[in-house]
Amino acid sequence: MKKKTKKVAIETGLGLAALAAAAAGTYFLYGSKNSVKNRKKVKGWMLKAKGEVLQEMEHMKNMSEGTYHDVIDAMAERYKILKNVDQKELNHLVKEMKSHWKHIKKDLKVKPKKKSSK
């Protein structure tokens, strides 16, 4: 039974992390005072890259800062070879995504349920 609750806690944490990343992206595009400028800056490939990272995160069993950075680095390697991707923009995206680990880490911490006393 413990393995099942641990798996549920991990899946819940990953779901919360994906939700937090989506919320941060939504705020960046629509909620901030510079949202109009931000929407103009965001390129289609950036959204696709972020989506790929989120999808990879959903399939992870254990999430750590190292594995999160590895996923981002792997995405960056794939996008380096594309002609329409500016290296400066890619480097900026990688730096930005890696800086989100602090927020994701907070969402991964799932508080244990209190045992009912019968």
C-alpha atoms as a PDB file:
ATOM      1  CA  MET A   1       0.000   0.000   0.000  1.00  0.00           C
ATOM      2  CA  LYS A   2       2.921   2.369   0.697  1.00  0.00           C
ATOM      3  CA  LYS A   3       4.199   2.114  -2.889  1.00  0.00           C
ATOM      4  CA  LYS A   4       0.808   3.119  -4.226  1.00  0.00           C
ATOM      5  CA  THR A   5       0.534   6.181  -1.977  1.00  0.00           C
ATOM      6  CA  LYS A   6       4.110   7.194  -2.853  1.00  0.00           C
ATOM      7  CA  LYS A   7       3.294   6.856  -6.559  1.00  0.00           C
ATOM      8  CA  VAL A   8       0.147   8.958  -6.110  1.00  0.00           C
ATOM      9  CA  ALA A   9       2.159  11.598  -4.224  1.00  0.00           C
ATOM     10  CA  ILE A  10       4.772  11.729  -6.990  1.00  0.00           C
ATOM     11  CA  GLU A  11       2.135  11.939  -9.710  1.00  0.00           C
ATOM     12  CA  THR A  12       0.329  14.651  -7.763  1.00  0.00           C
ATOM     13  CA  GLY A  13       3.565  16.589  -7.375  1.00  0.00           C
ATOM     14  CA  LEU A  14       4.366  16.322 -11.061  1.00  0.00           C
ATOM     15  CA  GLY A  15       0.859  17.416 -11.928  1.00  0.00           C
ATOM     16  CA  LEU A  16       1.214  20.408  -9.626  1.00  0.00           C
ATOM     17  CA  ALA A  17       4.574  21.246 -11.201  1.00  0.00           C
ATOM     18  CA  ALA A  18       3.081  21.145 -14.684  1.00  0.00           C
ATOM     19  CA  LEU A  19       0.189  23.281 -13.488  1.00  0.00           C
ATOM     20  CA  ALA A  20       2.575  25.789 -11.918  1.00  0.00           C
ATOM     21  CA  ALA A  21       4.611  26.013 -15.123  1.00  0.00           C
ATOM     22  CA  ALA A  22       1.449  26.535 -17.155  1.00  0.00           C
ATOM     23  CA  ALA A  23       0.246  29.189 -14.725  1.00  0.00           C
ATOM     24  CA  ALA A  24       3.588  30.984 -14.891  1.00  0.00           C
ATOM     25  CA  GLY A  25       3.436  30.926 -18.678  1.00  0.00           C
ATOM     26  CA  THR A  26      -0.116  32.224 -18.698  1.00  0.00           C
ATOM     27  CA  TYR A  27       0.778  35.034 -16.329  1.00  0.00           C
ATOM     28  CA  PHE A  28       3.809  35.909 -18.473  1.00  0.00           C
ATOM     29  CA  LEU A  29       1.658  36.119 -21.602  1.00  0.00           C
ATOM     30  CA  TYR A  30      -1.534  37.659 -20.205  1.00  0.00           C
ATOM     31  CA  GLY A  31      -1.248  38.848 -16.611  1.00  0.00           C
ATOM     32  CA  SER A  32       1.914  40.884 -16.334  1.00  0.00           C
ATOM     33  CA  LYS A  33       2.115  44.599 -17.059  1.00  0.00           C
ATOM     34  CA  ASN A  34       4.267  43.831 -20.124  1.00  0.00           C
ATOM     35  CA  SER A  35       2.010  41.042 -21.423  1.00  0.00           C
ATOM     36  CA  VAL A  36       1.450  42.618 -24.861  1.00  0.00           C
ATOM     37  CA  LYS A  37       5.211  42.939 -25.396  1.00  0.00           C
ATOM     38  CA  ASN A  38       5.762  39.430 -24.036  1.00  0.00           C
ATOM     39  CA  ARG A  39       3.272  37.886 -26.461  1.00  0.00           C
ATOM     40  CA  LYS A  40       5.065  39.566 -29.351  1.00  0.00           C
ATOM     41  CA  LYS A  41       8.408  38.199 -28.148  1.00  0.00           C
ATOM     42  CA  VAL A  42       7.322  34.601 -27.767  1.00  0.00           C
ATOM     43  CA  LYS A  43       7.973  32.567 -30.861  1.00  0.00           C
ATOM     44  CA  GLY A  44       6.143  29.395 -31.829  1.00  0.00           C
ATOM     45  CA  TRP A  45       9.214  27.233 -31.361  1.00  0.00           C
ATOM     46  CA  MET A  46       9.545  28.470 -27.782  1.00  0.00           C
ATOM     47  CA  LEU A  47       6.043  27.321 -26.903  1.00  0.00           C
ATOM     48  CA  LYS A  48       6.679  23.963 -28.542  1.00  0.00           C
ATOM     49  CA  ALA A  49       9.964  23.570 -26.642  1.00  0.00           C
ATOM     50  CA  LYS A  50       8.285  24.365 -23.312  1.00  0.00           C
ATOM     51  CA  GLY A  51       5.538  21.891 -24.137  1.00  0.00           C
ATOM     52  CA  GLU A  52       8.101  19.187 -24.854  1.00  0.00           C
ATOM     53  CA  VAL A  53       9.753  19.797 -21.492  1.00  0.00           C
ATOM     54  CA  LEU A  54       6.393  19.631 -19.700  1.00  0.00           C
ATOM     55  CA  GLN A  55       5.524  16.400 -21.471  1.00  0.00           C
ATOM     56  CA  GLU A  56       8.860  14.903 -20.482  1.00  0.00           C
ATOM     57  CA  MET A  57       8.289  15.973 -16.861  1.00  0.00           C
ATOM     58  CA  GLU A  58       4.927  14.210 -16.773  1.00  0.00           C
ATOM     59  CA  HIS A  59       6.620  10.890 -17.610  1.00  0.00           C
ATOM     60  CA  MET A  60       9.326  11.207 -14.944  1.00  0.00           C
ATOM     61  CA  LYS A  61       9.078   9.045 -11.870  1.00  0.00           C
ATOM     62  CA  ASN A  62      11.594  11.007  -9.799  1.00  0.00           C
ATOM     63  CA  MET A  63      12.147  14.702 -10.240  1.00  0.00           C
ATOM     64  CA  SER A  64      15.274  16.464  -9.088  1.00  0.00           C
ATOM     65  CA  GLU A  65      16.992  19.653 -10.125  1.00  0.00           C
ATOM     66  CA  GLY A  66      19.576  17.648 -12.054  1.00  0.00           C
ATOM     67  CA  THR A  67      17.029  15.647 -14.034  1.00  0.00           C
ATOM     68  CA  TYR A  68      14.995  18.803 -14.717  1.00  0.00           C
ATOM     69  CA  HIS A  69      18.094  20.553 -16.067  1.00  0.00           C
ATOM     70  CA  ASP A  70      18.976  17.457 -18.130  1.00  0.00           C
ATOM     71  CA  VAL A  71      15.546  17.552 -19.797  1.00  0.00           C
ATOM     72  CA  ILE A  72      16.000  21.238 -20.636  1.00  0.00           C
ATOM     73  CA  ASP A  73      19.524  20.650 -21.961  1.00  0.00           C
ATOM     74  CA  ALA A  74      18.281  17.798 -24.174  1.00  0.00           C
ATOM     75  CA  MET A  75      15.547  20.050 -25.563  1.00  0.00           C
ATOM     76  CA  ALA A  76      18.135  22.782 -26.240  1.00  0.00           C
ATOM     77  CA  GLU A  77      20.343  20.335 -28.148  1.00  0.00           C
ATOM     78  CA  ARG A  78      17.421  19.408 -30.411  1.00  0.00           C
ATOM     79  CA  TYR A  79      16.582  23.052 -31.108  1.00  0.00           C
ATOM     80  CA  LYS A  80      20.207  24.137 -31.716  1.00  0.00           C
ATOM     81  CA  ILE A  81      20.222  22.586 -35.164  1.00  0.00           C
ATOM     82  CA  LEU A  82      17.089  24.347 -36.418  1.00  0.00           C
ATOM     83  CA  LYS A  83      17.686  27.248 -38.805  1.00  0.00           C
ATOM     84  CA  ASN A  84      14.859  29.446 -37.526  1.00  0.00           C
ATOM     85  CA  VAL A  85      16.077  29.333 -33.911  1.00  0.00           C
ATOM     86  CA  ASP A  86      18.326  32.187 -32.813  1.00  0.00           C
ATOM     87  CA  GLN A  87      21.088  31.001 -30.446  1.00  0.00           C
ATOM     88  CA  LYS A  88      20.664  34.020 -28.177  1.00  0.00           C
ATOM     89  CA  GLU A  89      16.936  33.345 -27.850  1.00  0.00           C
ATOM     90  CA  LEU A  90      17.553  29.663 -27.189  1.00  0.00           C
ATOM     91  CA  ASN A  91      20.130  30.444 -24.497  1.00  0.00           C
ATOM     92  CA  HIS A  92      17.722  32.913 -22.904  1.00  0.00           C
ATOM     93  CA  LEU A  93      14.915  30.327 -22.938  1.00  0.00           C
ATOM     94  CA  VAL A  94      17.166  27.702 -21.324  1.00  0.00           C
ATOM     95  CA  LYS A  95      18.263  30.137 -18.615  1.00  0.00           C
ATOM     96  CA  GLU A  96      14.666  31.187 -17.955  1.00  0.00           C
ATOM     97  CA  MET A  97      13.367  27.617 -17.762  1.00  0.00           C
ATOM     98  CA  LYS A  98      16.155  26.526 -15.424  1.00  0.00           C
ATOM     99  CA  SER A  99      15.368  29.446 -13.121  1.00  0.00           C
ATOM    100  CA  HIS A 100      11.839  28.059 -12.650  1.00  0.00           C
ATOM    101  CA  TRP A 101      13.176  25.072 -10.665  1.00  0.00           C
ATOM    102  CA  LYS A 102      12.738  26.930  -7.357  1.00  0.00           C
ATOM    103  CA  HIS A 103       9.006  27.291  -7.984  1.00  0.00           C
ATOM    104  CA  ILE A 104       8.605  23.754  -9.299  1.00  0.00           C
ATOM    105  CA  LYS A 105      10.457  22.354  -6.273  1.00  0.00           C
ATOM    106  CA  LYS A 106       7.944  24.019  -3.933  1.00  0.00           C
ATOM    107  CA  ASP A 107       5.062  22.373  -5.792  1.00  0.00           C
ATOM    108  CA  LEU A 108       6.704  18.956  -5.671  1.00  0.00           C
ATOM    109  CA  LYS A 109       6.738  18.884  -1.897  1.00  0.00           C
ATOM    110  CA  VAL A 110       3.551  17.051  -1.029  1.00  0.00           C
ATOM    111  CA  LYS A 111       2.566  17.174   2.592  1.00  0.00           C
ATOM    112  CA  PRO A 112       1.844  13.762   4.110  1.00  0.00           C
ATOM    113  CA  LYS A 113      -1.761  13.093   5.018  1.00  0.00           C
ATOM    114  CA  LYS A 114      -2.597  13.015   8.691  1.00  0.00           C
ATOM    115  CA  LYS A 115      -3.524   9.621  10.033  1.00  0.00           C
ATOM    116  CA  SER A 116      -6.975   9.423  11.461  1.00  0.00           C
ATOM    117  CA  SER A 117      -7.101   8.270  15.052  1.00  0.00           C
ATOM    118  CA  LYS A 118      -9.815   5.687  15.577  1.00  0.00           C
END
